């Protein structure tokens, strides 16, 4: 296997962000990202496993990347340094919307009217996804918090997670997803594929349509990522397999702070435990690698073909 080194990081890069400290901003930002994500979903060509719907981490925030609109293109970016939503078009137009305390309904109206003003017509389903008790965007006056420091800390954590997920992704020669941010579940993820089709997913995933789930899990996967938590659950790294091979939950993984959660049915590495441990970069990469090996070894993946080999010179 080819190894890609990651520079050891200071724990200071892994900033604390307990759920209760930023809960209100978290909920509002979750809904704002859904609005922007649904715009990409509506206009981008459909890709396998819903990859065309995701957002991507940038040096200043999150972006849709380039979205086609007829013969022109545009991009929407959350800038958490300047606290602006930036809309840029291929014909040189630029519009900004302030990221500040404002309701979801107000944000939705500002985004849609701005797009219309620059000649971009798009219609989205305004019901939030993967959220309990959803309120249509245009009616939601309840969620209106935006704390700039919390939003910026959210992005700074994403930067570190994105960096390591990309190191991990680079080690794989088989089919692999981009490192991308799913606005429905509000997590950053990367997925490796065995190359074989999976049994049809039974569905039943909370707040997700069965036909969406079945397309997402049409092939065998080992997936991992970072979730910011919710309710009583704090932020964590996670890893799971579909289908989970026999013995998966009992497979020995690293680091020692990680374990299998029977409640979540996946391996988890609590973010706060990682912050308190030494050398967070190494521990994250140990977690990602060992949980992948649980899926690949127990699932009899063709690891010889799927993993890179070291290049020997001379």
Protein backbone atom coordinates (compact mmCIF):
# COMPACT_ATOMS: atom_id res chain seq x y z
CA UNK A 1 0.00 0.00 0.00
CA UNK A 2 1.22 3.50 -0.80
CA UNK A 3 1.39 5.64 2.31
CA UNK A 4 0.76 9.36 2.33
CA UNK A 5 2.10 11.14 5.37
CA UNK A 6 0.19 13.79 7.30
CA UNK A 7 1.98 16.39 9.35
CA UNK A 8 1.37 15.88 13.06
CA UNK A 9 -1.05 18.53 14.21
CA UNK A 10 -1.34 20.45 17.42
CA UNK A 11 -4.49 19.80 19.46
CA UNK A 12 -5.06 23.57 19.13
CA UNK A 13 -6.15 22.94 15.52
CA UNK A 14 -8.93 20.69 16.78
CA UNK A 15 -11.16 23.28 18.38
CA UNK A 16 -13.88 22.50 20.93
CA UNK A 17 -17.47 22.87 19.72
CA UNK A 18 -19.96 21.24 22.15
CA UNK A 19 -23.43 20.90 20.68
CA UNK A 20 -25.12 22.95 23.41
CA UNK A 21 -22.75 25.91 22.84
CA UNK A 22 -23.84 26.46 19.25
CA UNK A 23 -27.15 24.57 19.00
CA UNK A 24 -29.19 27.51 17.69
CA UNK A 25 -26.61 28.51 15.08
CA UNK A 26 -26.14 24.83 14.17
CA UNK A 27 -29.85 24.39 13.43
CA UNK A 28 -30.06 27.57 11.35
CA UNK A 29 -26.88 26.83 9.40
CA UNK A 30 -28.07 23.28 8.75
CA UNK A 31 -31.20 24.65 7.09
CA UNK A 32 -29.31 27.32 5.12
CA UNK A 33 -26.98 24.67 3.69
CA UNK A 34 -30.02 22.62 2.69
CA UNK A 35 -31.38 25.52 0.64
CA UNK A 36 -28.09 25.91 -1.22
CA UNK A 37 -27.61 22.17 -1.58
CA UNK A 38 -31.08 21.76 -3.07
CA UNK A 39 -30.26 24.40 -5.68
CA UNK A 40 -27.29 22.30 -6.78
CA UNK A 41 -29.43 19.17 -6.66
CA UNK A 42 -32.04 20.78 -8.92
CA UNK A 43 -29.63 21.93 -11.64
CA UNK A 44 -26.58 19.65 -11.62
CA UNK A 45 -26.57 16.49 -13.78
CA UNK A 46 -27.47 13.48 -11.64
CA UNK A 47 -24.47 11.47 -10.48
CA UNK A 48 -24.37 8.04 -8.87
CA UNK A 49 -25.11 7.78 -5.14
CA UNK A 50 -26.37 11.42 -5.07
CA UNK A 51 -22.85 12.84 -5.34
CA UNK A 52 -24.25 15.71 -7.44
CA UNK A 53 -26.04 17.11 -4.39
CA UNK A 54 -23.11 17.59 -2.02
CA UNK A 55 -21.08 20.64 -1.00
CA UNK A 56 -17.28 20.91 -0.69
CA UNK A 57 -14.90 22.45 1.84
CA UNK A 58 -12.95 25.49 0.65
CA UNK A 59 -10.21 27.64 2.26
CA UNK A 60 -12.99 29.99 3.42
CA UNK A 61 -16.07 27.81 3.87
CA UNK A 62 -18.34 25.57 1.80
CA UNK A 63 -19.17 25.66 -1.90
CA UNK A 64 -21.47 24.04 -4.42
CA UNK A 65 -18.65 24.01 -6.98
CA UNK A 66 -19.64 24.89 -10.56
CA UNK A 67 -23.35 24.44 -11.39
CA UNK A 68 -24.50 24.50 -15.02
CA UNK A 69 -27.34 26.83 -15.98
CA UNK A 70 -27.89 26.41 -19.69
CA UNK A 71 -24.71 27.56 -21.41
CA UNK A 72 -23.58 29.63 -18.42
CA UNK A 73 -22.45 28.41 -15.02
CA UNK A 74 -22.50 29.68 -11.46
CA UNK A 75 -21.24 28.83 -8.01
CA UNK A 76 -22.56 29.54 -4.50
CA UNK A 77 -20.13 29.71 -1.59
CA UNK A 78 -20.55 30.16 2.15
CA UNK A 79 -17.63 32.37 3.22
CA UNK A 80 -17.18 32.00 6.97
CA UNK A 81 -14.23 34.38 7.08
CA UNK A 82 -16.19 37.35 5.74
CA UNK A 83 -19.59 35.92 6.73
CA UNK A 84 -21.11 36.27 3.29
CA UNK A 85 -22.88 34.03 0.84
CA UNK A 86 -21.20 34.62 -2.50
CA UNK A 87 -22.91 33.92 -5.83
CA UNK A 88 -20.63 34.09 -8.88
CA UNK A 89 -21.51 33.52 -12.54
CA UNK A 90 -19.40 32.64 -15.56
CA UNK A 91 -20.40 35.90 -17.25
CA UNK A 92 -18.82 38.00 -14.53
CA UNK A 93 -21.71 38.73 -12.18
CA UNK A 94 -21.13 38.61 -8.41
CA UNK A 95 -23.74 38.96 -5.68
CA UNK A 96 -23.37 38.70 -1.90
CA UNK A 97 -25.83 38.03 0.89
CA UNK A 98 -24.83 38.69 4.49
CA UNK A 99 -24.51 35.74 6.84
CA UNK A 100 -26.02 37.25 9.97
CA UNK A 101 -28.91 36.58 12.34
CA UNK A 102 -31.91 36.17 10.01
CA UNK A 103 -34.69 33.63 9.71
CA UNK A 104 -34.57 30.69 7.34
CA UNK A 105 -37.56 32.21 5.54
CA UNK A 106 -35.69 35.51 5.07
CA UNK A 107 -32.52 33.72 3.90
CA UNK A 108 -34.52 31.61 1.45
CA UNK A 109 -36.24 34.68 0.00
CA UNK A 110 -32.93 36.56 -0.30
CA UNK A 111 -31.24 33.67 -2.12
CA UNK A 112 -34.07 32.97 -4.53
CA UNK A 113 -34.69 36.63 -5.38
CA UNK A 114 -30.96 37.23 -5.92
CA UNK A 115 -30.74 34.27 -8.29
CA UNK A 116 -33.79 35.54 -10.18
CA UNK A 117 -32.27 39.02 -10.45
CA UNK A 118 -29.22 37.58 -12.24
CA UNK A 119 -31.32 35.44 -14.56
CA UNK A 120 -31.09 32.05 -12.83
CA UNK A 121 -34.48 30.34 -12.59
CA UNK A 122 -34.56 27.40 -10.20
CA UNK A 123 -37.33 25.67 -8.28
CA UNK A 124 -36.63 23.49 -5.25
CA UNK A 125 -38.72 21.39 -2.89
CA UNK A 126 -38.79 23.62 0.18
CA UNK A 127 -39.28 20.90 2.79
CA UNK A 128 -36.07 20.23 4.78
CA UNK A 129 -34.62 16.71 4.62
CA UNK A 130 -33.46 14.36 7.39
CA UNK A 131 -34.81 16.68 10.09
CA UNK A 132 -37.50 15.95 12.66
CA UNK A 133 -40.58 18.20 12.51
CA UNK A 134 -39.51 20.05 9.35
CA UNK A 135 -40.88 23.48 8.47
CA UNK A 136 -40.94 24.60 4.81
CA UNK A 137 -38.12 27.09 4.23
CA UNK A 138 -40.43 29.92 3.20
CA UNK A 139 -42.42 29.53 6.44
CA UNK A 140 -39.60 29.06 8.92
CA UNK A 141 -39.32 32.11 11.16
CA UNK A 142 -38.29 29.91 14.11
CA UNK A 143 -34.63 29.32 13.18
CA UNK A 144 -32.82 32.65 12.93
CA UNK A 145 -29.60 32.42 14.99
CA UNK A 146 -26.15 33.05 13.57
CA UNK A 147 -23.13 33.40 15.84
CA UNK A 148 -20.12 34.27 13.63
CA UNK A 149 -17.60 32.71 16.01
CA UNK A 150 -19.45 29.39 16.11
CA UNK A 151 -19.90 29.36 12.34
CA UNK A 152 -16.21 30.05 11.86
CA UNK A 153 -15.22 27.33 14.34
CA UNK A 154 -17.50 24.88 12.49
CA UNK A 155 -15.61 25.65 9.27
CA UNK A 156 -12.19 25.45 10.95
CA UNK A 157 -13.00 21.95 12.20
CA UNK A 158 -14.19 21.00 8.72
CA UNK A 159 -10.83 22.12 7.30
CA UNK A 160 -8.94 19.68 9.51
CA UNK A 161 -11.34 16.81 8.84
CA UNK A 162 -11.30 17.48 5.09
CA UNK A 163 -7.49 17.46 5.10
CA UNK A 164 -7.26 14.01 6.70
CA UNK A 165 -10.11 12.44 4.75
CA UNK A 166 -8.27 13.48 1.57
CA UNK A 167 -5.06 11.86 2.82
CA UNK A 168 -7.03 8.66 3.47
CA UNK A 169 -8.80 8.86 0.10
CA UNK A 170 -5.49 9.19 -1.74
CA UNK A 171 -4.44 5.71 -0.61
CA UNK A 172 -7.16 3.92 -2.57
CA UNK A 173 -7.05 2.84 -6.20
CA UNK A 174 -10.62 1.58 -6.42
CA UNK A 175 -13.81 3.53 -6.88
CA UNK A 176 -14.04 6.19 -4.21
CA UNK A 177 -16.30 9.16 -3.64
CA UNK A 178 -15.03 12.73 -3.34
CA UNK A 179 -14.67 14.09 0.16
CA UNK A 180 -17.98 15.90 0.36
CA UNK A 181 -20.39 17.55 2.76
CA UNK A 182 -23.92 16.17 2.85
CA UNK A 183 -26.34 18.91 3.87
CA UNK A 184 -29.10 16.45 4.79
CA UNK A 185 -27.16 14.73 7.56
CA UNK A 186 -24.74 17.66 8.05
CA UNK A 187 -21.60 15.54 7.88
CA UNK A 188 -18.37 15.37 5.87
CA UNK A 189 -17.79 11.93 4.36
CA UNK A 190 -15.77 9.78 1.98
CA UNK A 191 -16.78 6.33 0.74
CA UNK A 192 -14.74 3.45 -0.68
CA UNK A 193 -16.35 0.78 -2.89
CA UNK A 194 -15.47 -2.89 -3.27
CA UNK A 195 -16.59 -2.94 -6.91
CA UNK A 196 -19.43 -5.39 -6.25
CA UNK A 197 -23.15 -4.71 -6.18
CA UNK A 198 -24.79 -4.83 -2.76
CA UNK A 199 -28.04 -6.51 -1.73
CA UNK A 200 -30.94 -4.08 -2.10
CA UNK A 201 -31.01 -1.81 0.95
CA UNK A 202 -34.10 -2.48 3.08
CA UNK A 203 -34.71 1.24 3.55
CA UNK A 204 -36.13 2.47 6.82
CA UNK A 205 -33.44 5.11 7.36
CA UNK A 206 -35.02 7.88 9.50
CA UNK A 207 -36.10 10.97 7.52
CA UNK A 208 -34.78 9.51 4.23
CA UNK A 209 -36.87 8.12 1.39
CA UNK A 210 -36.23 4.44 0.69
CA UNK A 211 -35.54 5.08 -3.02
CA UNK A 212 -32.85 7.60 -2.07
CA UNK A 213 -31.23 5.13 0.31
CA UNK A 214 -31.29 2.31 -2.23
CA UNK A 215 -29.50 4.39 -4.84
CA UNK A 216 -26.92 5.54 -2.28
CA UNK A 217 -26.17 1.94 -1.23
CA UNK A 218 -26.48 0.13 -4.55
CA UNK A 219 -22.91 -1.18 -4.21
CA UNK A 220 -20.81 -2.48 -1.32
CA UNK A 221 -19.23 0.34 0.66
CA UNK A 222 -16.92 1.20 3.49
CA UNK A 223 -17.85 4.73 4.49
CA UNK A 224 -16.40 7.10 7.06
CA UNK A 225 -16.71 10.71 8.03
CA UNK A 226 -17.32 13.33 10.67
CA UNK A 227 -20.66 14.41 12.15
CA UNK A 228 -21.18 17.46 14.35
CA UNK A 229 -23.56 15.60 16.64
CA UNK A 230 -27.09 16.40 17.71
CA UNK A 231 -29.27 16.19 20.79
CA UNK A 232 -27.35 14.34 23.49
CA UNK A 233 -24.72 13.09 21.04
CA UNK A 234 -21.56 15.14 20.70
CA UNK A 235 -19.39 15.45 17.58
CA UNK A 236 -17.66 12.29 16.37
CA UNK A 237 -15.86 10.48 13.59
CA UNK A 238 -17.80 7.46 12.33
CA UNK A 239 -17.27 4.45 10.08
CA UNK A 240 -19.63 1.76 8.82
CA UNK A 241 -19.99 -0.83 6.07
CA UNK A 242 -22.90 -1.81 3.88
CA UNK A 243 -23.56 -4.63 3.95
CA UNK A 244 -21.80 -5.12 7.28
CA UNK A 245 -19.92 -8.45 7.07
CA UNK A 246 -20.23 -11.05 9.80
CA UNK A 247 -18.07 -10.16 12.79
CA UNK A 248 -17.78 -6.49 11.76
CA UNK A 249 -18.66 -4.99 15.13
CA UNK A 250 -16.13 -7.21 16.94
CA UNK A 251 -13.20 -6.42 14.66
CA UNK A 252 -10.23 -4.91 16.58
CA UNK A 253 -9.82 -1.27 15.55
CA UNK A 254 -7.62 1.66 16.50
CA UNK A 255 -7.10 3.96 18.34
CA UNK A 256 -8.06 2.88 21.85
CA UNK A 257 -10.52 5.81 22.13
CA UNK A 258 -12.68 4.30 19.36
CA UNK A 259 -15.42 1.69 19.80
CA UNK A 260 -18.47 0.14 18.15
CA UNK A 261 -21.76 1.81 19.06
CA UNK A 262 -24.63 -0.66 19.10
CA UNK A 263 -27.04 2.29 19.22
CA UNK A 264 -25.65 3.90 16.04
CA UNK A 265 -24.54 0.56 14.51
CA UNK A 266 -21.18 1.95 13.47
CA UNK A 267 -17.70 2.52 14.82
CA UNK A 268 -17.21 5.91 16.41
CA UNK A 269 -14.29 8.00 17.60
CA UNK A 270 -15.61 10.74 19.90
CA UNK A 271 -14.28 14.15 18.90
CA UNK A 272 -13.67 15.33 22.46
CA UNK A 273 -11.70 12.16 23.29
CA UNK A 274 -9.61 12.79 20.17
CA UNK A 275 -8.97 16.39 21.23
CA UNK A 276 -7.71 15.24 24.61
CA UNK A 277 -5.41 12.59 23.13
CA UNK A 278 -1.96 13.18 21.76
CA UNK A 279 -1.29 13.36 18.01
CA UNK A 280 -4.88 13.68 16.72
CA UNK A 281 -3.87 13.34 13.05
CA UNK A 282 -2.35 9.90 13.57
CA UNK A 283 -5.31 8.70 15.62
CA UNK A 284 -7.83 9.80 13.00
CA UNK A 285 -5.90 8.01 10.25
CA UNK A 286 -5.62 4.88 12.42
CA UNK A 287 -9.38 4.95 12.88
CA UNK A 288 -10.11 5.40 9.19
CA UNK A 289 -7.67 2.65 8.13
CA UNK A 290 -8.59 0.05 10.75
CA UNK A 291 -12.34 0.41 10.21
CA UNK A 292 -11.84 0.11 6.44
CA UNK A 293 -9.82 -3.07 7.06
CA UNK A 294 -12.72 -4.43 9.12
CA UNK A 295 -15.00 -4.07 6.10
CA UNK A 296 -12.46 -5.15 3.47
CA UNK A 297 -10.94 -8.12 5.26
CA UNK A 298 -14.17 -9.55 6.63
CA UNK A 299 -16.00 -8.77 3.40
CA UNK A 300 -13.30 -10.43 1.26
CA UNK A 301 -12.61 -7.37 -0.88
CA UNK A 302 -9.92 -7.71 -3.53
CA UNK A 303 -7.52 -5.50 -1.60
CA UNK A 304 -4.59 -6.42 -3.87
CA UNK A 305 -6.31 -4.75 -6.79
CA UNK A 306 -7.93 -1.91 -4.83
CA UNK A 307 -5.01 -0.55 -2.84
CA UNK A 308 -1.94 1.29 -4.10
CA UNK A 309 1.49 -0.31 -3.86
CA UNK A 310 4.63 1.58 -2.86
CA UNK A 311 6.75 2.78 -5.74
CA UNK A 312 10.26 1.33 -5.52
CA UNK A 313 12.95 3.31 -7.35
CA UNK A 314 16.34 2.11 -8.46
